[in-house]
Amino acid sequence: MSDRPPTTAASQTQADTHTVTNQPTPLAQYNAYLGDEVLQHWVIRFGGGWGETALSQFGYGVGHHLLEAGFAANKHLPELQTHDRFGHRIDQIDYHPAYHQLMAHAIEHGHCHLPWTNTQSGAHVVRAALAFLHNHADPGSGCPLTMTFASVPAISIQPDIAARWLPKILSNRYDERNKPWFEKGGLTIGMAMTEKQGGSDVRANTTVAFPLGQSGGGQLYTLTGHKWFCSAPMCDGFLVLAQVEQKLSCFLVPRWREDGSKNPIHIQRLKNKLGNKSNASSEIEFRGAHGWLLGEEGKGINTIIQMVALTRYDCMLGSSALMAQAVKEAIWHTSGRSVFGKNLHDQPLMLNVLADLALEAEAALAISMRIAYALDHSADPQQAALIRSATGIGKYWICKRAIQHTYEAMECIGGVGYVDENITSRLYKEAPVNSIWEGSGNVQCLDLLRVLKREPETLAALINEFQQARGKEPLFDKKLELFLVEFAAQQDIELRARQIMESLALLWQSATLLVYGDDWIAKAFITTRLADKQYHQYGTLDPSIDVSAIVKRAMVKF
């Protein structure tokens, strides 16, 4: 006979407090590319249609396998081991296997090398879509992927070093082993520029470098100093700025020396960050570390800016992805919740908010893909000039908008969206990094003013973009004329730099939607963003706008 007391109705009632109802299932088990109508439009519009098979395969992996890997990589964070158990200095960071799964999937599909190894027009557009989709699984691992991709033009400045390193950087192999670079089939590249005393002002850097023998490009130097931020310190090499007799120069510093010994790059600690958790960011010291000079002494900024320009581009692309995913999650959740007798995403006010968020996300993606198109055609002076001016505009505007945008999407989901088990919490905490990294808002504004003044062709390229949209929408034409008058007045221009940047961003997004997008989406965006009467929160679209159609367009398709 059992000692367990008999089950009674009373005991059942006490144990079973409630049944879970009116809660949606997680957004999972879908093809992240084929399910995204908006992304497909912009990939095809800018010449990346030939990559749809590869993007579909990649999108399947993201939606079916990598979403869980992203959660695991952000739960089980990187751990620093400075010494082994016998006291040897090892400076090793251990990652959860999910992190390596994310990295391998991206590299094998061309995230880091596609535009450099595929000469077909549209390769940058296809690669941008890969990066956009990978961000859905995990933005943190996107950091070393971006830096590896962006390092290629800077390393190419030094042909002898490029001949040894680029074949491994451009391979589709991810090799996680802690081994010298010359023993590996695939390499990743990081960056270390920022120092405590300088921040964005890298000319204030105090790290010094001296030639070990001969001086000049491709020669080995020894570096001594510190870096306040070194992102992804388990990369195989780093682009580093250091002073050579007060001349700021750029070096490729490997994690291992040529003789197979550990290069003395000492990791002081890992940063405990707000977001970007799966990615290790560190403080390091160079204690006689060896590195090859890239280019000429004193030309460090000219060298590394080629990398920075592309990482800034990936910041705008990454923030576009955060917004797109936030919208998808908000629409999915509200479509699975019933309030007052109908689905929450069918309630008029919620529809307004969701549609407004969807418009913002599509406008961000549109100009990000426009830059990808320009990168594919950078041999054209007009496109090259647009890259030099418009990348800063997109980096400033999209990255700032993503912070409020991801919060609003989290609010649509409610309390469950605030907890870490829901992806919108991660999106919100992730959003600020793209605005801060690679030059904060003020840096972008001042850089743009300098570029427009120093290189008149960059301003002409911007105005040409706007002129293509003239005559399509009266409100756009009116705002363009007002801006040209305001910009022509140079008095207090630095003080007004953020006003100028915001006007440029909205005009550029509007023009891109008008010229390359669907008319009804462009009109809805312009009606709200360029109207004389401005509101300051999402969910304030005019009643004339078909909010249901916008939400349907942004909804994930299974």
Protein backbone atom coordinates (compact mmCIF):
# COMPACT_ATOMS: atom_id res chain seq x y z
CA MET A 1 0.00 0.00 0.00
CA SER A 2 1.30 3.46 -0.88
CA ASP A 3 2.11 5.94 1.88
CA ARG A 4 1.05 8.79 -0.45
CA PRO A 5 -2.17 10.46 0.72
CA PRO A 6 -5.14 10.08 -1.57
CA THR A 7 -5.69 12.78 -4.20
CA THR A 8 -8.69 14.97 -3.51
CA ALA A 9 -10.39 17.79 -5.35
CA ALA A 10 -9.13 20.19 -2.68
CA SER A 11 -5.50 19.14 -3.12
CA GLN A 12 -5.78 19.46 -6.90
CA THR A 13 -7.12 22.97 -6.56
CA GLN A 14 -4.28 24.00 -4.28
CA ALA A 15 -1.61 22.59 -6.61
CA ASP A 16 -3.00 23.85 -9.90
CA THR A 17 -3.20 27.61 -9.51
CA HIS A 18 -3.83 28.44 -13.15
CA THR A 19 -3.54 27.43 -16.79
CA VAL A 20 -1.21 29.43 -19.05
CA THR A 21 -3.31 30.99 -21.80
CA ASN A 22 -3.15 34.02 -24.07
CA GLN A 23 0.66 33.79 -24.37
CA PRO A 24 2.29 33.46 -27.82
CA THR A 25 4.89 30.87 -28.72
CA PRO A 26 8.46 32.13 -29.34
CA LEU A 27 9.29 33.44 -32.79
CA ALA A 28 11.45 30.57 -34.02
CA GLN A 29 11.72 27.81 -36.62
CA TYR A 30 11.47 30.11 -39.62
CA ASN A 31 13.67 31.21 -42.51
CA ALA A 32 15.01 34.61 -41.50
CA TYR A 33 15.59 35.61 -45.12
CA LEU A 34 12.56 34.18 -46.90
CA GLY A 35 10.38 35.37 -44.04
CA ASP A 36 11.53 38.98 -44.43
CA GLU A 37 9.70 40.67 -47.29
CA VAL A 38 11.35 44.03 -46.61
CA LEU A 39 14.91 42.67 -46.69
CA GLN A 40 14.23 40.77 -49.91
CA HIS A 41 12.95 43.95 -51.56
CA TRP A 42 16.11 45.91 -50.80
CA VAL A 43 18.51 43.08 -51.67
CA ILE A 44 16.91 42.67 -55.09
CA ARG A 45 16.52 46.43 -55.63
CA PHE A 46 20.24 47.04 -55.19
CA GLY A 47 21.51 44.15 -57.29
CA GLY A 48 21.91 41.28 -54.84
CA GLY A 49 19.20 39.03 -56.24
CA TRP A 50 21.76 36.53 -57.51
CA GLY A 51 22.62 35.71 -53.88
CA GLU A 52 19.12 34.65 -52.85
CA THR A 53 19.87 30.92 -52.72
CA ALA A 54 22.82 31.47 -50.39
CA LEU A 55 20.84 33.98 -48.33
CA SER A 56 17.98 31.53 -48.01
CA GLN A 57 20.34 28.84 -46.75
CA PHE A 58 21.90 31.28 -44.32
CA GLY A 59 18.50 32.54 -43.19
CA TYR A 60 17.34 28.99 -42.52
CA GLY A 61 20.31 28.43 -40.22
CA VAL A 62 19.65 31.66 -38.37
CA GLY A 63 15.96 30.95 -37.81
CA HIS A 64 16.29 27.27 -36.99
CA HIS A 65 19.60 26.76 -35.18
CA LEU A 66 21.37 29.96 -34.30
CA LEU A 67 18.70 31.75 -32.29
CA GLU A 68 19.27 29.31 -29.42
CA ALA A 69 23.03 29.61 -29.88
CA GLY A 70 22.66 33.37 -29.47
CA PHE A 71 20.85 32.92 -26.17
CA ALA A 72 23.50 30.48 -24.93
CA ALA A 73 26.42 32.72 -25.96
CA ASN A 74 24.87 35.65 -24.09
CA LYS A 75 24.14 33.55 -20.99
CA HIS A 76 27.52 31.81 -20.70
CA LEU A 77 29.87 34.77 -21.01
CA PRO A 78 33.54 34.78 -22.05
CA GLU A 79 35.96 34.03 -19.21
CA LEU A 80 39.52 35.34 -18.95
CA GLN A 81 42.32 33.00 -17.90
CA THR A 82 45.45 35.10 -17.45
CA HIS A 83 47.66 32.20 -16.28
CA ASP A 84 47.61 28.45 -16.44
CA ARG A 85 47.70 26.36 -13.28
CA PHE A 86 51.50 26.30 -13.33
CA GLY A 87 51.80 30.08 -13.41
CA HIS A 88 52.56 30.60 -17.10
CA ARG A 89 51.03 33.71 -18.64
CA ILE A 90 48.51 32.58 -21.27
CA ASP A 91 46.01 35.49 -21.67
CA GLN A 92 43.34 33.14 -22.92
CA ILE A 93 39.61 33.77 -23.15
CA ASP A 94 37.30 30.79 -23.04
CA TYR A 95 33.98 30.97 -24.89
CA HIS A 96 30.89 28.81 -24.77
CA PRO A 97 30.65 26.41 -27.76
CA ALA A 98 27.63 28.38 -28.97
CA TYR A 99 29.87 31.38 -29.66
CA HIS A 100 32.09 29.27 -31.90
CA GLN A 101 29.00 27.89 -33.62
CA LEU A 102 27.89 31.42 -34.44
CA MET A 103 31.32 32.45 -35.73
CA ALA A 104 31.76 29.33 -37.86
CA HIS A 105 28.34 29.66 -39.50
CA ALA A 106 28.97 33.28 -40.47
CA ILE A 107 32.52 32.81 -41.77
CA GLU A 108 31.68 29.68 -43.74
CA HIS A 109 28.92 31.60 -45.55
CA GLY A 110 31.09 34.58 -46.53
CA HIS A 111 30.31 37.21 -43.87
CA CYS A 112 33.98 38.30 -43.75
CA HIS A 113 35.17 37.71 -47.29
CA LEU A 114 32.38 37.77 -49.87
CA PRO A 115 32.99 41.24 -51.43
CA TRP A 116 36.75 40.64 -51.51
CA THR A 117 36.59 37.22 -53.15
CA ASN A 118 33.53 37.57 -55.41
CA THR A 119 33.81 40.12 -58.20
CA GLN A 120 30.13 39.90 -59.14
CA SER A 121 28.28 43.19 -58.86
CA GLY A 122 26.11 43.17 -55.76
CA ALA A 123 28.56 41.25 -53.56
CA HIS A 124 28.54 44.00 -50.92
CA VAL A 125 24.73 43.94 -50.94
CA VAL A 126 24.64 40.18 -50.41
CA ARG A 127 27.27 40.39 -47.70
CA ALA A 128 25.29 43.19 -46.02
CA ALA A 129 22.25 40.90 -45.94
CA LEU A 130 24.36 38.13 -44.37
CA ALA A 131 25.55 40.51 -41.66
CA PHE A 132 22.00 41.79 -41.14
CA LEU A 133 20.67 38.26 -40.68
CA HIS A 134 23.53 37.12 -38.43
CA ASN A 135 22.72 40.03 -36.15
CA HIS A 136 19.33 38.40 -35.50
CA ALA A 137 21.10 35.46 -33.89
CA ASP A 138 23.75 37.40 -31.98
CA PRO A 139 25.04 40.96 -32.43
CA GLY A 140 28.04 40.41 -30.14
CA SER A 141 29.84 37.92 -32.39
CA GLY A 142 29.21 40.37 -35.20
CA CYS A 143 32.01 42.54 -33.76
CA PRO A 144 34.99 40.30 -34.69
CA LEU A 145 33.24 39.37 -37.95
CA THR A 146 32.95 43.05 -38.86
CA MET A 147 36.54 43.85 -37.95
CA THR A 148 37.84 40.89 -39.94
CA PHE A 149 35.85 41.98 -42.99
CA ALA A 150 36.88 45.63 -42.60
CA SER A 151 40.59 44.92 -42.06
CA VAL A 152 41.19 43.86 -45.66
CA PRO A 153 41.68 47.32 -47.27
CA ALA A 154 44.00 48.46 -44.46
CA ILE A 155 46.18 45.34 -44.57
CA SER A 156 46.25 45.49 -48.36
CA ILE A 157 48.25 48.73 -48.10
CA GLN A 158 51.28 46.58 -47.23
CA PRO A 159 51.58 44.03 -50.07
CA ASP A 160 54.17 41.75 -48.45
CA ILE A 161 52.13 41.40 -45.25
CA ALA A 162 48.90 41.09 -47.24
CA ALA A 163 50.36 38.20 -49.25
CA ARG A 164 50.90 36.22 -46.04
CA TRP A 165 47.79 37.16 -44.08
CA LEU A 166 44.95 37.80 -46.52
CA PRO A 167 44.60 34.24 -47.88
CA LYS A 168 43.82 33.09 -44.34
CA ILE A 169 41.61 36.10 -43.54
CA LEU A 170 39.66 35.56 -46.75
CA SER A 171 39.18 31.84 -46.29
CA ASN A 172 35.82 30.41 -45.30
CA ARG A 173 37.35 28.54 -42.37
CA TYR A 174 36.86 29.43 -38.73
CA ASP A 175 39.65 28.10 -36.52
CA GLU A 176 39.00 28.67 -32.83
CA ARG A 177 42.28 27.12 -31.66
CA ASN A 178 44.70 29.17 -29.60
CA LYS A 179 47.56 28.67 -32.05
CA PRO A 180 50.05 30.86 -33.96
CA TRP A 181 48.48 32.45 -37.00
CA PHE A 182 50.75 30.62 -39.45
CA GLU A 183 49.49 27.24 -38.18
CA LYS A 184 45.84 28.06 -38.85
CA GLY A 185 43.74 27.92 -42.01
CA GLY A 186 41.45 30.81 -41.08
CA LEU A 187 42.11 34.03 -39.18
CA THR A 188 40.11 36.76 -37.47
CA ILE A 189 41.25 40.35 -36.94
CA GLY A 190 40.58 42.79 -34.11
CA MET A 191 41.39 46.42 -33.42
CA ALA A 192 43.02 48.38 -30.58
CA MET A 193 43.05 52.15 -30.93
CA THR A 194 41.48 53.80 -27.88
CA GLU A 195 43.55 54.83 -24.88
CA LYS A 196 42.40 56.26 -21.54
CA GLN A 197 43.71 59.78 -22.00
CA GLY A 198 42.55 60.25 -25.58
CA GLY A 199 39.31 58.44 -26.29
CA SER A 200 38.27 59.42 -29.81
CA ASP A 201 41.31 61.69 -30.07
CA VAL A 202 43.76 58.99 -31.11
CA ARG A 203 46.47 61.57 -31.77
CA ALA A 204 46.83 61.74 -27.98
CA ASN A 205 47.86 58.05 -27.88
CA THR A 206 51.03 57.31 -25.90
CA THR A 207 51.76 53.74 -27.03
CA VAL A 208 55.19 53.81 -28.67
CA ALA A 209 56.85 51.62 -31.29
CA PHE A 210 60.51 51.15 -32.23
CA PRO A 211 61.94 49.20 -35.17
CA LEU A 212 63.61 45.92 -34.24
CA GLY A 213 65.95 46.27 -37.20
CA GLN A 214 65.20 48.13 -40.38
CA SER A 215 62.38 50.66 -40.29
CA GLY A 216 59.61 51.13 -42.83
CA GLY A 217 56.55 49.39 -44.17
CA GLY A 218 56.41 45.64 -43.59
CA GLN A 219 59.18 45.72 -40.97
CA LEU A 220 58.85 44.43 -37.42
CA TYR A 221 58.58 46.93 -34.57
CA THR A 222 58.25 46.47 -30.83
CA LEU A 223 55.29 48.17 -29.11
CA THR A 224 54.93 49.30 -25.50
CA GLY A 225 51.80 50.91 -24.07
CA HIS A 226 48.17 50.33 -23.16
CA LYS A 227 44.78 50.22 -24.87
CA TRP A 228 41.62 51.10 -22.97
CA PHE A 229 39.50 49.09 -25.40
CA CYS A 230 40.62 46.07 -27.38
CA SER A 231 37.62 44.27 -28.78
CA ALA A 232 37.63 40.52 -29.39
CA PRO A 233 41.11 39.92 -27.88
CA MET A 234 41.21 36.29 -29.01
CA CYS A 235 41.54 37.39 -32.62
CA ASP A 236 44.70 36.30 -34.40
CA GLY A 237 45.93 39.82 -35.10
CA PHE A 238 45.06 43.43 -34.31
CA LEU A 239 45.32 46.72 -36.11
CA VAL A 240 46.98 49.03 -33.61
CA LEU A 241 47.95 52.71 -33.56
CA ALA A 242 51.27 53.65 -31.94
CA GLN A 243 53.70 56.56 -32.02
CA VAL A 244 57.01 56.21 -33.89
CA GLU A 245 59.00 59.28 -32.86
CA GLN A 246 55.75 61.23 -32.40
CA LYS A 247 54.41 60.01 -35.73
CA LEU A 248 51.16 58.06 -35.35
CA SER A 249 51.51 54.82 -37.28
CA CYS A 250 49.47 51.68 -37.89
CA PHE A 251 50.65 48.15 -37.10
CA LEU A 252 49.41 44.61 -37.50
CA VAL A 253 50.15 42.99 -34.15
CA PRO A 254 49.78 39.17 -34.05
CA ARG A 255 48.77 37.27 -30.92
CA TRP A 256 51.74 34.95 -31.44
CA ARG A 257 55.28 35.82 -32.56
CA GLU A 258 56.99 34.37 -35.60
CA ASP A 259 59.04 31.96 -33.46
CA GLY A 260 55.86 30.45 -32.01
CA SER A 261 56.13 32.18 -28.64
CA LYS A 262 53.30 34.22 -27.16
CA ASN A 263 53.41 37.89 -28.10
CA PRO A 264 53.37 39.91 -24.84
CA ILE A 265 49.86 41.33 -25.20
CA HIS A 266 48.70 41.18 -21.59
CA ILE A 267 44.96 41.24 -20.98
CA GLN A 268 44.33 43.25 -17.81
CA ARG A 269 40.62 42.52 -17.55
CA LEU A 270 37.45 42.02 -19.55
CA LYS A 271 34.95 44.87 -19.63
CA ASN A 272 31.67 44.30 -17.79
CA LYS A 273 29.42 45.95 -20.36
CA LEU A 274 25.78 46.96 -20.60
CA GLY A 275 25.28 44.83 -23.70
CA ASN A 276 27.35 43.10 -26.39
CA LYS A 277 27.82 40.39 -23.78
CA SER A 278 28.86 37.46 -25.96
CA ASN A 279 31.77 39.50 -27.31
CA ALA A 280 34.79 39.94 -25.06
CA SER A 281 36.08 43.51 -24.82
CA SER A 282 39.27 44.07 -22.89
CA GLU A 283 41.91 46.38 -21.51
CA ILE A 284 45.38 45.34 -22.64
CA GLU A 285 49.03 46.26 -22.29
CA PHE A 286 51.76 45.79 -24.89
CA ARG A 287 55.00 44.89 -23.15
CA GLY A 288 57.38 44.73 -26.06
CA ALA A 289 54.86 43.18 -28.42
CA HIS A 290 55.98 42.65 -32.01
CA GLY A 291 54.02 44.12 -34.90
CA TRP A 292 54.50 44.90 -38.59
CA LEU A 293 54.22 48.49 -39.79
CA LEU A 294 51.47 48.90 -42.39
CA GLY A 295 52.32 51.65 -44.87
CA GLU A 296 54.49 54.58 -43.88
CA GLU A 297 55.44 55.91 -40.48
CA GLY A 298 53.15 58.80 -39.57
CA LYS A 299 50.35 57.61 -41.90
CA GLY A 300 48.55 55.56 -39.28
CA ILE A 301 45.24 57.38 -39.44
CA ASN A 302 45.18 57.24 -43.25
CA THR A 303 45.74 53.50 -43.02
CA ILE A 304 43.33 52.55 -40.27
CA ILE A 305 40.56 54.90 -41.46
CA GLN A 306 39.95 52.45 -44.31
CA MET A 307 39.03 49.87 -41.69
CA VAL A 308 37.09 52.37 -39.58
CA ALA A 309 34.99 53.49 -42.55
CA LEU A 310 33.72 49.94 -43.02
CA THR A 311 33.18 49.24 -39.33
CA ARG A 312 31.17 52.48 -39.13
CA TYR A 313 29.10 51.20 -42.02
CA ASP A 314 28.50 47.95 -40.18
CA CYS A 315 27.33 49.96 -37.15
CA MET A 316 24.48 51.42 -39.20
CA LEU A 317 23.77 48.02 -40.71
CA GLY A 318 23.79 46.38 -37.27
CA SER A 319 21.43 48.96 -35.80
CA SER A 320 19.11 48.49 -38.79
CA ALA A 321 19.05 44.78 -37.95
CA LEU A 322 18.27 45.49 -34.30
CA MET A 323 15.28 47.58 -35.33
CA ALA A 324 14.06 45.04 -37.87
CA GLN A 325 14.22 42.22 -35.35
CA ALA A 326 12.54 44.35 -32.68
CA VAL A 327 9.62 45.01 -35.04
CA LYS A 328 9.30 41.34 -35.92
CA GLU A 329 9.26 40.34 -32.26
CA ALA A 330 6.71 43.03 -31.38
CA ILE A 331 4.37 42.10 -34.24
CA TRP A 332 4.72 38.38 -33.52
CA HIS A 333 3.98 38.79 -29.81
CA THR A 334 1.04 41.13 -30.21
CA SER A 335 -0.47 38.91 -32.90
CA GLY A 336 -0.54 36.09 -30.34
CA ARG A 337 -2.18 38.14 -27.59
CA SER A 338 -5.90 38.83 -27.30
CA VAL A 339 -7.17 42.00 -25.66
CA PHE A 340 -10.81 43.11 -25.45
CA GLY A 341 -11.96 40.40 -27.81
CA LYS A 342 -9.44 40.80 -30.65
CA ASN A 343 -5.75 40.27 -31.29
CA LEU A 344 -3.61 42.97 -29.73
CA HIS A 345 -1.91 43.77 -33.04
CA ASP A 346 -5.36 44.51 -34.52
CA GLN A 347 -6.14 47.18 -31.93
CA PRO A 348 -5.97 50.61 -33.65
CA LEU A 349 -3.49 52.26 -31.30
CA MET A 350 -1.17 49.25 -31.22
CA LEU A 351 -1.35 49.05 -35.00
CA ASN A 352 -0.20 52.66 -35.17
CA VAL A 353 2.80 51.95 -32.96
CA LEU A 354 3.79 48.79 -34.83
CA ALA A 355 3.47 50.46 -38.23
CA ASP A 356 5.53 53.44 -37.08
CA LEU A 357 8.28 51.11 -35.84
CA ALA A 358 8.16 49.20 -39.14
CA LEU A 359 8.54 52.41 -41.16
CA GLU A 360 11.57 53.43 -39.10
CA ALA A 361 13.20 50.03 -39.55
CA GLU A 362 12.65 49.96 -43.31
CA ALA A 363 14.03 53.46 -43.81
CA ALA A 364 17.14 52.45 -41.85
CA LEU A 365 17.62 49.33 -43.95
CA ALA A 366 17.04 51.28 -47.18
CA ILE A 367 19.94 53.68 -46.68
CA SER A 368 22.16 50.89 -45.33
CA MET A 369 21.62 48.93 -48.52
CA ARG A 370 22.12 52.10 -50.55
CA ILE A 371 25.64 52.33 -49.09
CA ALA A 372 26.21 48.65 -49.88
CA TYR A 373 25.31 49.45 -53.49
CA ALA A 374 27.74 52.37 -53.44
CA LEU A 375 30.49 50.08 -52.10
CA ASP A 376 29.82 47.72 -55.00
CA HIS A 377 30.32 50.65 -57.41
CA SER A 378 33.02 52.58 -55.54
CA ALA A 379 35.10 52.91 -58.73
CA ASP A 380 32.51 55.51 -59.76
CA PRO A 381 33.62 58.85 -58.20
CA GLN A 382 30.00 59.76 -57.47
CA GLN A 383 29.45 56.58 -55.45
CA ALA A 384 32.79 56.90 -53.68
CA ALA A 385 31.95 60.47 -52.69
CA LEU A 386 28.57 59.34 -51.33
CA ILE A 387 30.25 56.70 -49.17
CA ARG A 388 32.55 59.30 -47.60
CA SER A 389 29.68 61.57 -46.60
CA ALA A 390 26.60 59.42 -46.16
CA THR A 391 28.12 56.68 -44.02
CA GLY A 392 28.57 59.16 -41.17
CA ILE A 393 24.98 60.34 -41.56
CA GLY A 394 23.65 56.80 -41.37
CA LYS A 395 25.94 55.89 -38.49
CA TYR A 396 24.78 58.91 -36.49
CA TRP A 397 21.07 58.66 -37.17
CA ILE A 398 20.27 54.96 -37.33
CA CYS A 399 22.36 54.07 -34.30
CA LYS A 400 20.68 56.73 -32.19
CA ARG A 401 17.19 55.88 -33.39
CA ALA A 402 17.71 52.20 -32.56
CA ILE A 403 17.88 52.91 -28.83
CA GLN A 404 14.40 54.42 -28.55
CA HIS A 405 13.08 52.06 -31.21
CA THR A 406 14.10 48.85 -29.44
CA TYR A 407 12.68 50.18 -26.19
CA GLU A 408 9.31 50.90 -27.83
CA ALA A 409 9.21 47.39 -29.27
CA MET A 410 9.98 46.00 -25.83
CA GLU A 411 7.09 48.03 -24.40
CA CYS A 412 4.75 46.55 -27.02
CA ILE A 413 5.56 43.12 -25.63
CA GLY A 414 5.21 44.32 -22.05
CA GLY A 415 6.75 42.94 -18.88
CA VAL A 416 7.86 39.67 -20.45
CA GLY A 417 9.86 41.69 -22.99
CA TYR A 418 11.86 43.27 -20.16
CA VAL A 419 13.25 40.00 -18.85
CA ASP A 420 16.35 38.43 -20.35
CA GLU A 421 14.53 35.31 -21.57
CA ASN A 422 12.94 37.53 -24.23
CA ILE A 423 15.15 38.74 -27.04
CA THR A 424 13.94 42.36 -26.94
CA SER A 425 15.74 42.88 -23.64
CA ARG A 426 19.01 41.98 -25.37
CA LEU A 427 18.21 44.19 -28.38
CA TYR A 428 17.62 47.19 -26.12
CA LYS A 429 20.85 46.68 -24.17
CA GLU A 430 22.74 46.10 -27.39
CA ALA A 431 21.55 49.26 -29.13
CA PRO A 432 23.84 51.92 -27.56
CA VAL A 433 27.11 50.24 -28.53
CA ASN A 434 26.78 51.03 -32.23
CA SER A 435 26.24 54.70 -31.47
CA ILE A 436 29.27 54.90 -29.15
CA TRP A 437 31.71 52.61 -30.96
CA GLU A 438 33.79 53.98 -33.84
CA GLY A 439 33.01 57.60 -33.07
CA SER A 440 30.09 58.88 -31.03
CA GLY A 441 27.42 61.25 -32.31
CA ASN A 442 29.43 64.45 -31.98
CA VAL A 443 32.41 62.86 -33.71
CA GLN A 444 30.22 61.85 -36.66
CA CYS A 445 28.77 65.37 -36.93
CA LEU A 446 32.13 67.14 -36.85
CA ASP A 447 33.72 64.62 -39.21
CA LEU A 448 30.89 65.19 -41.69
CA LEU A 449 31.28 68.97 -41.60
CA ARG A 450 35.01 68.61 -42.25
CA VAL A 451 34.46 66.20 -45.14
CA LEU A 452 31.79 68.36 -46.78
CA LYS A 453 34.04 71.40 -46.55
CA ARG A 454 37.29 69.71 -47.55
CA GLU A 455 35.80 67.58 -50.33
CA PRO A 456 33.06 69.52 -52.17
CA GLU A 457 32.29 66.49 -54.33
CA THR A 458 30.90 64.70 -51.25
CA LEU A 459 28.29 67.43 -50.77
CA ALA A 460 27.50 67.30 -54.48
CA ALA A 461 26.97 63.54 -54.22
CA LEU A 462 24.50 64.01 -51.37
CA ILE A 463 22.58 66.73 -53.17
CA ASN A 464 22.45 64.55 -56.27
CA GLU A 465 20.78 61.82 -54.20
CA PHE A 466 18.17 64.31 -53.09
CA GLN A 467 17.68 65.77 -56.56
CA GLN A 468 16.71 62.35 -57.93
CA ALA A 469 13.65 62.45 -55.67
CA ARG A 470 12.52 65.95 -56.63
CA GLY A 471 9.01 66.23 -57.98
CA LYS A 472 7.80 62.98 -56.45
CA GLU A 473 6.41 64.37 -53.21
CA PRO A 474 5.70 68.10 -52.53
CA LEU A 475 6.53 67.88 -48.83
CA PHE A 476 9.95 66.46 -49.64
CA ASP A 477 10.64 69.25 -52.15
CA LYS A 478 9.67 71.87 -49.59
CA LYS A 479 11.92 70.44 -46.87
CA LEU A 480 14.83 70.13 -49.27
CA GLU A 481 14.61 73.80 -50.24
CA LEU A 482 14.47 74.84 -46.58
CA PHE A 483 17.50 72.72 -45.75
CA LEU A 484 19.61 74.12 -48.60
CA VAL A 485 18.95 77.65 -47.33
CA GLU A 486 19.79 76.71 -43.75
CA PHE A 487 22.96 74.85 -44.70
CA ALA A 488 24.20 77.73 -46.84
CA ALA A 489 24.33 79.91 -43.70
CA GLN A 490 27.66 78.86 -42.19
CA GLN A 491 27.37 80.93 -39.01
CA ASP A 492 27.44 78.77 -35.86
CA ILE A 493 27.54 75.68 -38.05
CA GLU A 494 29.30 73.52 -35.44
CA LEU A 495 26.72 74.52 -32.87
CA ARG A 496 24.01 73.47 -35.34
CA ALA A 497 25.77 70.31 -36.47
CA ARG A 498 23.21 67.92 -35.00
CA GLN A 499 20.36 69.86 -36.58
CA ILE A 500 22.10 69.59 -39.93
CA MET A 501 22.78 65.89 -39.46
CA GLU A 502 19.17 65.14 -38.56
CA SER A 503 17.86 67.05 -41.59
CA LEU A 504 20.30 65.25 -43.88
CA ALA A 505 19.33 61.87 -42.47
CA LEU A 506 15.61 62.38 -42.92
CA LEU A 507 16.01 63.83 -46.40
CA TRP A 508 18.28 60.95 -47.43
CA GLN A 509 15.94 58.30 -46.04
CA SER A 510 12.99 59.99 -47.75
CA ALA A 511 14.82 60.27 -51.07
CA THR A 512 15.95 56.63 -50.95
CA LEU A 513 12.43 55.42 -50.27
CA LEU A 514 11.06 57.65 -53.05
CA VAL A 515 13.59 56.60 -55.68
CA TYR A 516 14.14 52.93 -54.83
CA GLY A 517 11.24 51.90 -52.60
CA ASP A 518 7.49 51.47 -52.82
CA ASP A 519 5.60 54.73 -53.24
CA TRP A 520 3.12 54.11 -50.46
CA ILE A 521 5.87 53.36 -47.93
CA ALA A 522 7.77 56.49 -48.97
CA LYS A 523 4.65 58.64 -48.66
CA ALA A 524 3.82 57.24 -45.22
CA PHE A 525 7.38 57.95 -44.02
CA ILE A 526 7.49 61.48 -45.42
CA THR A 527 4.03 62.37 -44.13
CA THR A 528 5.23 61.76 -40.58
CA ARG A 529 8.95 62.52 -40.60
CA LEU A 530 8.92 65.71 -42.70
CA ALA A 531 5.59 67.16 -41.57
CA ASP A 532 5.52 70.69 -40.12
CA LYS A 533 3.78 69.37 -37.03
CA GLN A 534 6.11 66.90 -35.38
CA TYR A 535 5.39 64.36 -32.63
CA HIS A 536 8.09 62.86 -30.49
CA GLN A 537 6.96 59.28 -29.90
CA TYR A 538 6.27 56.27 -32.09
CA GLY A 539 2.61 55.53 -32.76
CA THR A 540 1.66 58.96 -34.07
CA LEU A 541 1.06 58.15 -37.74
CA ASP A 542 -1.63 60.11 -39.56
CA PRO A 543 -5.03 58.37 -39.85
CA SER A 544 -4.72 58.52 -43.64
CA ILE A 545 -1.88 55.96 -43.54
CA ASP A 546 -2.73 52.28 -44.05
CA VAL A 547 -1.14 51.01 -40.85
CA SER A 548 -2.49 47.47 -41.30
CA ALA A 549 -0.74 47.11 -44.66
CA ILE A 550 2.57 48.34 -43.22
CA VAL A 551 2.37 45.85 -40.36
CA LYS A 552 1.48 43.01 -42.73
CA ARG A 553 4.53 43.90 -44.86
CA ALA A 554 6.83 43.75 -41.83
CA MET A 555 5.37 40.55 -40.37
CA VAL A 556 7.50 37.40 -40.57
CA LYS A 557 6.30 35.07 -43.34
CA PHE A 558 6.38 31.33 -42.69
